[in-house]
Amino acid sequence: MTHGKLPSIPRRIVVATFAALAVTAVSGCASESKSFAPPPGSITDDRAIGDILVKFTPPDVAASEDAGRLLAGIEGPVRYVIKRPMSGGVWLVTAITKSPDVTLDQAVATLKAAPRVESATPDRMLKPHRTMPTGRDMPQQ
């Protein structure tokens, strides 16, 4: 029994153990530092231009895979990615491009000219033209 005293460990064993752990940690970090090529179709170099509300002509498009296939067939510098379905058969689509000079209006015009696209409207954030009136219960910020 040690009676409350810890056994003494030789210093060289402690130093060797920490050295081995440090080498293992450094080699583990070094293996993650390699950069790999992005997978095909990734959006690493692309920029999102904005969101567009798209409605397709009949027959109705009910699955996002079907809507994605229709949008994938559109030629041009812009890719269209389905975000989510909205009410009334409308789909929220994000326009993505590598080209720095393509605008949201150009992406909408390309969509409007595509087959099976009934309507394409930019989804812009609306802001009030005037501030909220101040009152007793609504202090000015």
Protein backbone atom coordinates (compact mmCIF):
# COMPACT_ATOMS: atom_id res chain seq x y z
CA MET A 1 0.00 0.00 0.00
CA THR A 2 1.10 3.52 -0.65
CA HIS A 3 -0.75 5.15 2.26
CA GLY A 4 -1.87 8.23 0.33
CA LYS A 5 1.30 8.67 -1.68
CA LEU A 6 1.32 8.21 -5.41
CA PRO A 7 4.00 5.98 -6.84
CA SER A 8 6.82 7.97 -8.40
CA ILE A 9 7.09 7.64 -12.15
CA PRO A 10 10.52 8.18 -13.64
CA ARG A 11 10.77 11.48 -15.45
CA ARG A 12 12.08 9.94 -18.66
CA ILE A 13 8.91 7.82 -19.02
CA VAL A 14 6.70 10.87 -18.62
CA VAL A 15 8.73 12.85 -21.17
CA ALA A 16 8.72 9.95 -23.65
CA THR A 17 4.94 9.53 -23.28
CA PHE A 18 4.26 13.22 -23.93
CA ALA A 19 6.65 13.22 -26.89
CA ALA A 20 4.83 10.26 -28.44
CA LEU A 21 1.46 11.97 -27.92
CA ALA A 22 2.75 15.19 -29.50
CA VAL A 23 4.03 13.34 -32.59
CA THR A 24 0.69 11.57 -32.95
CA ALA A 25 -1.23 14.84 -32.64
CA VAL A 26 0.97 16.63 -35.19
CA SER A 27 0.72 13.81 -37.70
CA GLY A 28 -3.06 13.76 -37.28
CA CYS A 29 -3.29 17.49 -37.95
CA ALA A 30 -0.98 17.25 -40.94
CA SER A 31 -3.17 14.63 -42.57
CA GLU A 32 -6.13 17.05 -42.52
CA SER A 33 -4.19 19.96 -44.01
CA LYS A 34 -4.27 18.54 -47.54
CA SER A 35 -6.86 20.21 -49.71
CA PHE A 36 -8.91 18.05 -52.00
CA ALA A 37 -10.65 18.99 -55.22
CA PRO A 38 -14.31 19.88 -54.65
CA PRO A 39 -16.84 17.29 -55.79
CA PRO A 40 -18.49 17.77 -59.19
CA GLY A 41 -21.39 20.20 -59.06
CA SER A 42 -20.22 21.87 -55.86
CA ILE A 43 -20.85 25.57 -55.44
CA THR A 44 -17.53 26.58 -53.88
CA ASP A 45 -16.56 29.07 -56.62
CA ASP A 46 -20.12 30.13 -57.37
CA ARG A 47 -22.16 32.96 -55.96
CA ALA A 48 -25.88 33.04 -55.31
CA ILE A 49 -27.52 35.81 -57.31
CA GLY A 50 -30.88 35.58 -55.57
CA ASP A 51 -34.11 33.65 -55.23
CA ILE A 52 -36.77 33.30 -57.90
CA LEU A 53 -40.39 32.11 -57.64
CA VAL A 54 -41.01 29.68 -60.52
CA LYS A 55 -44.28 28.14 -61.69
CA PHE A 56 -44.25 25.36 -64.29
CA THR A 57 -46.84 24.72 -67.01
CA PRO A 58 -49.03 21.58 -66.78
CA PRO A 59 -48.61 18.73 -66.06
CA ASP A 60 -48.04 19.71 -62.44
CA VAL A 61 -44.58 19.25 -60.97
CA ALA A 62 -45.01 17.72 -57.51
CA ALA A 63 -41.54 16.36 -56.68
CA SER A 64 -38.42 18.44 -56.20
CA GLU A 65 -36.43 15.90 -58.25
CA ASP A 66 -38.70 16.54 -61.24
CA ALA A 67 -38.41 20.31 -60.83
CA GLY A 68 -34.63 19.97 -60.51
CA ARG A 69 -34.46 17.97 -63.76
CA LEU A 70 -36.50 20.60 -65.60
CA LEU A 71 -34.22 23.37 -64.33
CA ALA A 72 -31.03 21.41 -65.03
CA GLY A 73 -31.90 21.37 -68.73
CA ILE A 74 -31.77 25.17 -68.99
CA GLU A 75 -28.64 26.33 -70.85
CA GLY A 76 -26.66 29.40 -69.83
CA PRO A 77 -24.22 30.73 -67.24
CA VAL A 78 -26.72 30.32 -64.40
CA ARG A 79 -27.59 27.13 -62.51
CA TYR A 80 -30.93 26.90 -60.78
CA VAL A 81 -31.25 24.98 -57.51
CA ILE A 82 -34.58 24.11 -55.91
CA LYS A 83 -34.93 25.45 -52.38
CA ARG A 84 -38.48 24.40 -51.50
CA PRO A 85 -42.04 24.18 -52.82
CA MET A 86 -44.42 27.02 -52.10
CA SER A 87 -48.21 27.11 -52.24
CA GLY A 88 -50.09 27.07 -55.54
CA GLY A 89 -47.55 24.96 -57.43
CA VAL A 90 -44.79 27.60 -57.16
CA TRP A 91 -41.19 26.62 -56.42
CA LEU A 92 -38.58 28.76 -54.67
CA VAL A 93 -35.39 28.49 -56.73
CA THR A 94 -31.91 29.92 -56.10
CA ALA A 95 -29.93 31.22 -59.08
CA ILE A 96 -26.19 30.43 -58.84
CA THR A 97 -23.40 31.46 -61.20
CA LYS A 98 -19.61 31.64 -61.52
CA SER A 99 -19.79 34.72 -63.72
CA PRO A 100 -19.42 38.00 -61.80
CA ASP A 101 -21.42 40.06 -64.31
CA VAL A 102 -24.68 38.06 -64.41
CA THR A 103 -27.61 39.75 -62.66
CA LEU A 104 -30.81 38.43 -61.14
CA ASP A 105 -32.84 40.07 -63.93
CA GLN A 106 -30.85 38.14 -66.54
CA ALA A 107 -31.43 34.89 -64.66
CA VAL A 108 -35.18 35.61 -64.51
CA ALA A 109 -35.26 36.40 -68.26
CA THR A 110 -33.49 33.10 -69.01
CA LEU A 111 -36.04 31.23 -66.90
CA LYS A 112 -38.99 32.94 -68.58
CA ALA A 113 -37.68 31.86 -71.99
CA ALA A 114 -37.24 28.22 -70.89
CA PRO A 115 -39.78 25.55 -71.91
CA ARG A 116 -42.26 24.44 -69.24
CA VAL A 117 -41.77 27.64 -67.22
CA GLU A 118 -45.07 29.50 -66.91
CA SER A 119 -43.79 32.35 -64.75
CA ALA A 120 -40.60 33.46 -63.04
CA THR A 121 -40.60 36.32 -60.54
CA PRO A 122 -37.66 37.54 -58.45
CA ASP A 123 -38.23 37.01 -54.74
CA ARG A 124 -37.13 40.37 -53.40
CA MET A 125 -37.30 41.44 -49.79
CA LEU A 126 -39.83 44.21 -49.36
CA LYS A 127 -39.02 46.99 -46.92
CA PRO A 128 -41.36 49.63 -45.54
CA HIS A 129 -41.06 53.10 -47.07
CA ARG A 130 -41.60 54.85 -43.76
CA THR A 131 -40.78 54.05 -40.18
CA MET A 132 -43.28 52.66 -37.74
CA PRO A 133 -45.15 55.38 -35.86
CA THR A 134 -43.95 55.89 -32.33
CA GLY A 135 -46.40 55.75 -29.52
CA ARG A 136 -46.65 55.31 -25.83
CA ASP A 137 -46.15 51.54 -26.09
CA MET A 138 -43.58 51.63 -28.91
CA PRO A 139 -40.52 53.68 -27.96
CA GLN A 140 -38.31 54.96 -30.75
CA GLN A 141 -35.13 52.92 -31.20
